[in-house]
């Protein structure tokens, strides 16, 4: 199977751009054979793509959140957010997460 669809590579690239930590290490190692300029190019391209992906995810989520209107959420949203933070903080403290 020599011929692969380019969609696979691009989808993996976009997926890794959504996680800005782990995926960059093997790319840097692969680019290291070509020198510092290749490493810098990989880092710059990766970071620009990661930033674009993060902005796209946030803007899409924001557009979706603005489209949803619940009157109870407008009224009790801050209390709900505080309750979620309290529950998570308690769970992290109790279970030593």
N, C-alpha and C. Protein backbone atom coordinates (compact mmCIF):
# COMPACT_ATOMS: atom_id res chain seq x y z
N UNK A 1 0.83 -1.18 0.00
CA UNK A 1 0.00 0.00 0.00
C UNK A 1 0.87 1.24 0.00
N UNK A 2 1.50 1.50 -1.11
CA UNK A 2 2.37 2.67 -1.20
C UNK A 2 1.59 3.96 -1.16
N UNK A 3 0.47 3.99 -1.83
CA UNK A 3 -0.28 5.23 -1.94
C UNK A 3 -1.27 5.34 -0.78
N UNK A 4 -1.01 6.32 0.08
CA UNK A 4 -1.93 6.58 1.19
C UNK A 4 -2.65 7.88 0.92
N UNK A 5 -3.83 7.98 1.47
CA UNK A 5 -4.57 9.22 1.31
C UNK A 5 -3.93 10.30 2.18
N UNK A 6 -3.73 11.52 1.65
CA UNK A 6 -3.11 12.58 2.44
C UNK A 6 -3.99 13.02 3.60
N UNK A 7 -5.28 12.69 3.55
CA UNK A 7 -6.17 13.06 4.65
C UNK A 7 -5.69 12.47 5.97
N UNK A 8 -5.16 11.25 5.91
CA UNK A 8 -4.70 10.58 7.12
C UNK A 8 -3.57 11.35 7.78
N UNK A 9 -2.59 11.74 7.02
CA UNK A 9 -1.46 12.47 7.57
C UNK A 9 -1.91 13.83 8.13
N UNK A 10 -2.74 14.53 7.38
CA UNK A 10 -3.19 15.84 7.84
C UNK A 10 -4.09 15.74 9.06
N UNK A 11 -4.92 14.72 9.12
CA UNK A 11 -5.78 14.56 10.29
C UNK A 11 -4.94 14.25 11.52
N UNK A 12 -3.91 13.42 11.36
CA UNK A 12 -3.02 13.17 12.48
C UNK A 12 -2.28 14.43 12.90
N UNK A 13 -1.82 15.21 11.92
CA UNK A 13 -1.13 16.46 12.22
C UNK A 13 -2.04 17.40 12.99
N UNK A 14 -3.29 17.54 12.55
CA UNK A 14 -4.23 18.41 13.25
C UNK A 14 -4.57 17.88 14.63
N UNK A 15 -4.67 16.56 14.75
CA UNK A 15 -4.93 15.96 16.06
C UNK A 15 -3.79 16.25 17.01
N UNK A 16 -2.57 16.09 16.56
CA UNK A 16 -1.42 16.36 17.42
C UNK A 16 -1.30 17.84 17.76
N UNK A 17 -1.75 18.70 16.86
CA UNK A 17 -1.70 20.13 17.12
C UNK A 17 -2.66 20.52 18.26
N UNK A 18 -3.66 19.72 18.50
CA UNK A 18 -4.58 19.98 19.61
C UNK A 18 -3.95 19.61 20.95
N UNK A 19 -2.86 18.86 20.95
CA UNK A 19 -2.15 18.49 22.17
C UNK A 19 -0.72 19.01 22.05
N UNK A 20 -0.45 20.18 22.62
CA UNK A 20 0.81 20.85 22.36
C UNK A 20 2.03 20.30 23.08
N UNK A 21 1.95 19.16 23.73
CA UNK A 21 3.09 18.71 24.54
C UNK A 21 3.88 17.57 23.91
N UNK A 22 3.28 16.43 23.78
CA UNK A 22 3.99 15.19 23.50
C UNK A 22 4.43 15.04 22.05
N UNK A 23 3.60 15.42 21.13
CA UNK A 23 3.84 15.09 19.72
C UNK A 23 5.05 15.81 19.13
N UNK A 24 5.48 16.89 19.73
CA UNK A 24 6.59 17.66 19.16
C UNK A 24 7.93 16.95 19.33
N UNK A 25 8.08 16.15 20.36
CA UNK A 25 9.37 15.52 20.65
C UNK A 25 9.85 14.63 19.50
N UNK A 26 9.06 13.68 18.99
CA UNK A 26 9.57 12.86 17.88
C UNK A 26 9.80 13.67 16.60
N UNK A 27 9.02 14.73 16.41
CA UNK A 27 9.25 15.58 15.23
C UNK A 27 10.60 16.29 15.33
N UNK A 28 10.94 16.75 16.53
CA UNK A 28 12.23 17.41 16.73
C UNK A 28 13.36 16.40 16.53
N UNK A 29 13.19 15.20 17.05
CA UNK A 29 14.23 14.17 16.89
C UNK A 29 14.43 13.84 15.41
N UNK A 30 13.33 13.72 14.66
CA UNK A 30 13.45 13.43 13.23
C UNK A 30 14.12 14.58 12.48
N UNK A 31 13.80 15.82 12.87
CA UNK A 31 14.38 16.99 12.20
C UNK A 31 15.83 17.22 12.60
N UNK A 32 16.26 16.65 13.72
CA UNK A 32 17.62 16.91 14.20
C UNK A 32 18.69 16.41 13.23
N UNK A 33 18.36 15.45 12.40
CA UNK A 33 19.33 14.96 11.40
C UNK A 33 19.63 16.02 10.35
N UNK A 34 18.73 16.99 10.21
CA UNK A 34 18.91 18.03 9.20
C UNK A 34 19.47 19.33 9.76
N UNK A 35 19.70 19.40 11.06
CA UNK A 35 20.33 20.57 11.64
C UNK A 35 19.36 21.48 12.38
N UNK A 36 19.95 22.55 12.94
CA UNK A 36 19.19 23.48 13.78
C UNK A 36 18.11 24.23 13.02
N UNK A 37 18.35 24.55 11.77
CA UNK A 37 17.33 25.28 11.02
C UNK A 37 16.09 24.42 10.78
N UNK A 38 16.29 23.13 10.57
CA UNK A 38 15.15 22.22 10.41
C UNK A 38 14.39 22.07 11.72
N UNK A 39 15.11 22.00 12.83
CA UNK A 39 14.47 21.92 14.14
C UNK A 39 13.64 23.17 14.39
N UNK A 40 14.23 24.34 14.10
CA UNK A 40 13.50 25.60 14.29
C UNK A 40 12.27 25.66 13.40
N UNK A 41 12.40 25.20 12.16
CA UNK A 41 11.26 25.21 11.24
C UNK A 41 10.15 24.30 11.75
N UNK A 42 10.49 23.12 12.23
CA UNK A 42 9.49 22.20 12.77
C UNK A 42 8.78 22.83 13.96
N UNK A 43 9.54 23.44 14.85
CA UNK A 43 8.94 24.06 16.04
C UNK A 43 8.02 25.21 15.63
N UNK A 44 8.46 26.07 14.73
CA UNK A 44 7.65 27.22 14.33
C UNK A 44 6.37 26.75 13.64
N UNK A 45 6.48 25.83 12.69
CA UNK A 45 5.30 25.34 11.98
C UNK A 45 4.35 24.65 12.96
N UNK A 46 4.89 23.85 13.84
CA UNK A 46 4.06 23.15 14.81
C UNK A 46 3.34 24.12 15.74
N UNK A 47 4.05 25.10 16.25
CA UNK A 47 3.43 26.05 17.17
C UNK A 47 2.38 26.92 16.48
N UNK A 48 2.63 27.34 15.26
CA UNK A 48 1.63 28.11 14.52
C UNK A 48 0.38 27.26 14.28
N UNK A 49 0.60 26.00 13.88
CA UNK A 49 -0.54 25.10 13.65
C UNK A 49 -1.28 24.82 14.96
N UNK A 50 -0.56 24.64 16.06
CA UNK A 50 -1.19 24.39 17.35
C UNK A 50 -2.00 25.61 17.80
N UNK A 51 -1.44 26.78 17.63
CA UNK A 51 -2.15 28.00 18.00
C UNK A 51 -3.41 28.16 17.14
N UNK A 52 -3.30 27.93 15.85
CA UNK A 52 -4.47 28.03 14.96
C UNK A 52 -5.52 27.01 15.35
N UNK A 53 -5.10 25.79 15.69
CA UNK A 53 -6.05 24.76 16.10
C UNK A 53 -6.75 25.15 17.40
N UNK A 54 -6.01 25.66 18.36
CA UNK A 54 -6.61 26.07 19.63
C UNK A 54 -7.62 27.21 19.43
N UNK A 55 -7.26 28.19 18.61
CA UNK A 55 -8.18 29.29 18.33
C UNK A 55 -9.42 28.77 17.64
N UNK A 56 -9.25 27.86 16.69
CA UNK A 56 -10.40 27.29 15.98
C UNK A 56 -11.32 26.53 16.93
N UNK A 57 -10.73 25.72 17.81
CA UNK A 57 -11.54 24.96 18.77
C UNK A 57 -12.30 25.90 19.69
N UNK A 58 -11.62 26.92 20.21
CA UNK A 58 -12.26 27.85 21.14
C UNK A 58 -13.35 28.66 20.44
N UNK A 59 -13.08 29.14 19.25
CA UNK A 59 -14.08 29.95 18.54
C UNK A 59 -15.30 29.11 18.16
N UNK A 60 -15.07 27.87 17.75
CA UNK A 60 -16.18 26.98 17.43
C UNK A 60 -17.01 26.67 18.67
N UNK A 61 -16.33 26.41 19.77
CA UNK A 61 -17.04 26.14 21.03
C UNK A 61 -17.81 27.37 21.50
N UNK A 62 -17.21 28.54 21.35
CA UNK A 62 -17.87 29.78 21.74
C UNK A 62 -19.12 30.01 20.90
N UNK A 63 -19.02 29.78 19.61
CA UNK A 63 -20.18 29.95 18.73
C UNK A 63 -21.29 28.98 19.11
N UNK A 64 -20.92 27.75 19.44
CA UNK A 64 -21.91 26.78 19.87
C UNK A 64 -22.54 27.15 21.20
N UNK A 65 -21.72 27.64 22.13
CA UNK A 65 -22.24 28.04 23.45
C UNK A 65 -23.17 29.24 23.34
N UNK A 66 -22.85 30.16 22.45
CA UNK A 66 -23.72 31.33 22.26
C UNK A 66 -25.05 30.96 21.62
N UNK A 67 -25.05 29.88 20.85
CA UNK A 67 -26.28 29.46 20.18
C UNK A 67 -27.26 28.79 21.15
N UNK A 68 -26.72 28.29 22.26
CA UNK A 68 -27.56 27.62 23.26
C UNK A 68 -28.05 28.65 24.26
N UNK A 69 -29.33 28.72 24.45
CA UNK A 69 -29.90 29.67 25.41
C UNK A 69 -30.80 28.93 26.39
N UNK A 70 -30.37 28.90 27.62
CA UNK A 70 -31.17 28.37 28.72
C UNK A 70 -31.31 29.49 29.74
N UNK A 71 -32.53 29.87 30.05
CA UNK A 71 -32.73 30.98 30.98
C UNK A 71 -32.15 30.65 32.36
N UNK A 72 -32.25 29.38 32.77
CA UNK A 72 -31.72 29.00 34.08
C UNK A 72 -30.20 29.08 34.11
N UNK A 73 -29.55 28.84 32.95
CA UNK A 73 -28.10 28.93 32.89
C UNK A 73 -27.64 30.38 32.99
N UNK A 74 -28.40 31.30 32.38
CA UNK A 74 -28.06 32.71 32.50
C UNK A 74 -28.16 33.17 33.95
N UNK A 75 -29.14 32.64 34.66
CA UNK A 75 -29.36 33.07 36.04
C UNK A 75 -28.42 32.38 37.03
N UNK A 76 -28.22 31.06 36.86
CA UNK A 76 -27.46 30.29 37.85
C UNK A 76 -26.10 29.79 37.34
N UNK A 77 -25.66 30.29 36.21
CA UNK A 77 -24.41 29.82 35.61
C UNK A 77 -23.20 30.00 36.51
N UNK A 78 -23.09 31.18 37.15
CA UNK A 78 -21.94 31.43 38.02
C UNK A 78 -21.95 30.50 39.23
N UNK A 79 -23.12 30.29 39.82
CA UNK A 79 -23.23 29.38 40.96
C UNK A 79 -22.90 27.95 40.54
N UNK A 80 -23.35 27.55 39.35
CA UNK A 80 -23.05 26.22 38.85
C UNK A 80 -21.54 26.04 38.62
N UNK A 81 -20.91 27.05 38.05
CA UNK A 81 -19.45 26.98 37.83
C UNK A 81 -18.72 26.89 39.17
N UNK A 82 -19.16 27.67 40.16
CA UNK A 82 -18.55 27.60 41.49
C UNK A 82 -18.74 26.24 42.12
N UNK A 83 -19.91 25.65 41.94
CA UNK A 83 -20.17 24.32 42.50
C UNK A 83 -19.28 23.27 41.85
N UNK A 84 -19.09 23.37 40.54
CA UNK A 84 -18.21 22.43 39.84
C UNK A 84 -16.79 22.56 40.35
N UNK A 85 -16.31 23.79 40.53
CA UNK A 85 -14.96 24.01 41.05
C UNK A 85 -14.83 23.45 42.47
N UNK A 86 -15.85 23.67 43.30
CA UNK A 86 -15.84 23.15 44.66
C UNK A 86 -15.81 21.63 44.69
N UNK A 87 -16.64 21.00 43.87
CA UNK A 87 -16.69 19.53 43.83
C UNK A 87 -15.36 18.97 43.33
N UNK A 88 -14.81 19.55 42.28
CA UNK A 88 -13.53 19.06 41.75
C UNK A 88 -12.40 19.28 42.74
N UNK A 89 -12.37 20.45 43.37
CA UNK A 89 -11.35 20.72 44.38
C UNK A 89 -11.43 19.75 45.54
N UNK A 90 -12.64 19.45 45.98
CA UNK A 90 -12.83 18.49 47.06
C UNK A 90 -12.39 17.09 46.62
N UNK A 91 -12.77 16.70 45.42
CA UNK A 91 -12.38 15.37 44.93
C UNK A 91 -10.86 15.25 44.81
N UNK A 92 -10.21 16.29 44.33
CA UNK A 92 -8.75 16.26 44.20
C UNK A 92 -8.10 16.18 45.58
N UNK A 93 -8.67 16.88 46.56
CA UNK A 93 -8.10 16.87 47.91
C UNK A 93 -8.34 15.52 48.59
N UNK A 94 -9.55 15.01 48.50
CA UNK A 94 -9.88 13.76 49.19
C UNK A 94 -9.16 12.57 48.56
N UNK A 95 -9.13 12.51 47.24
CA UNK A 95 -8.55 11.36 46.56
C UNK A 95 -7.08 11.55 46.18
N UNK A 96 -6.49 12.68 46.59
CA UNK A 96 -5.06 12.97 46.34
C UNK A 96 -4.70 12.83 44.85
N UNK A 97 -5.52 13.43 44.01
CA UNK A 97 -5.29 13.33 42.56
C UNK A 97 -4.28 14.33 42.10
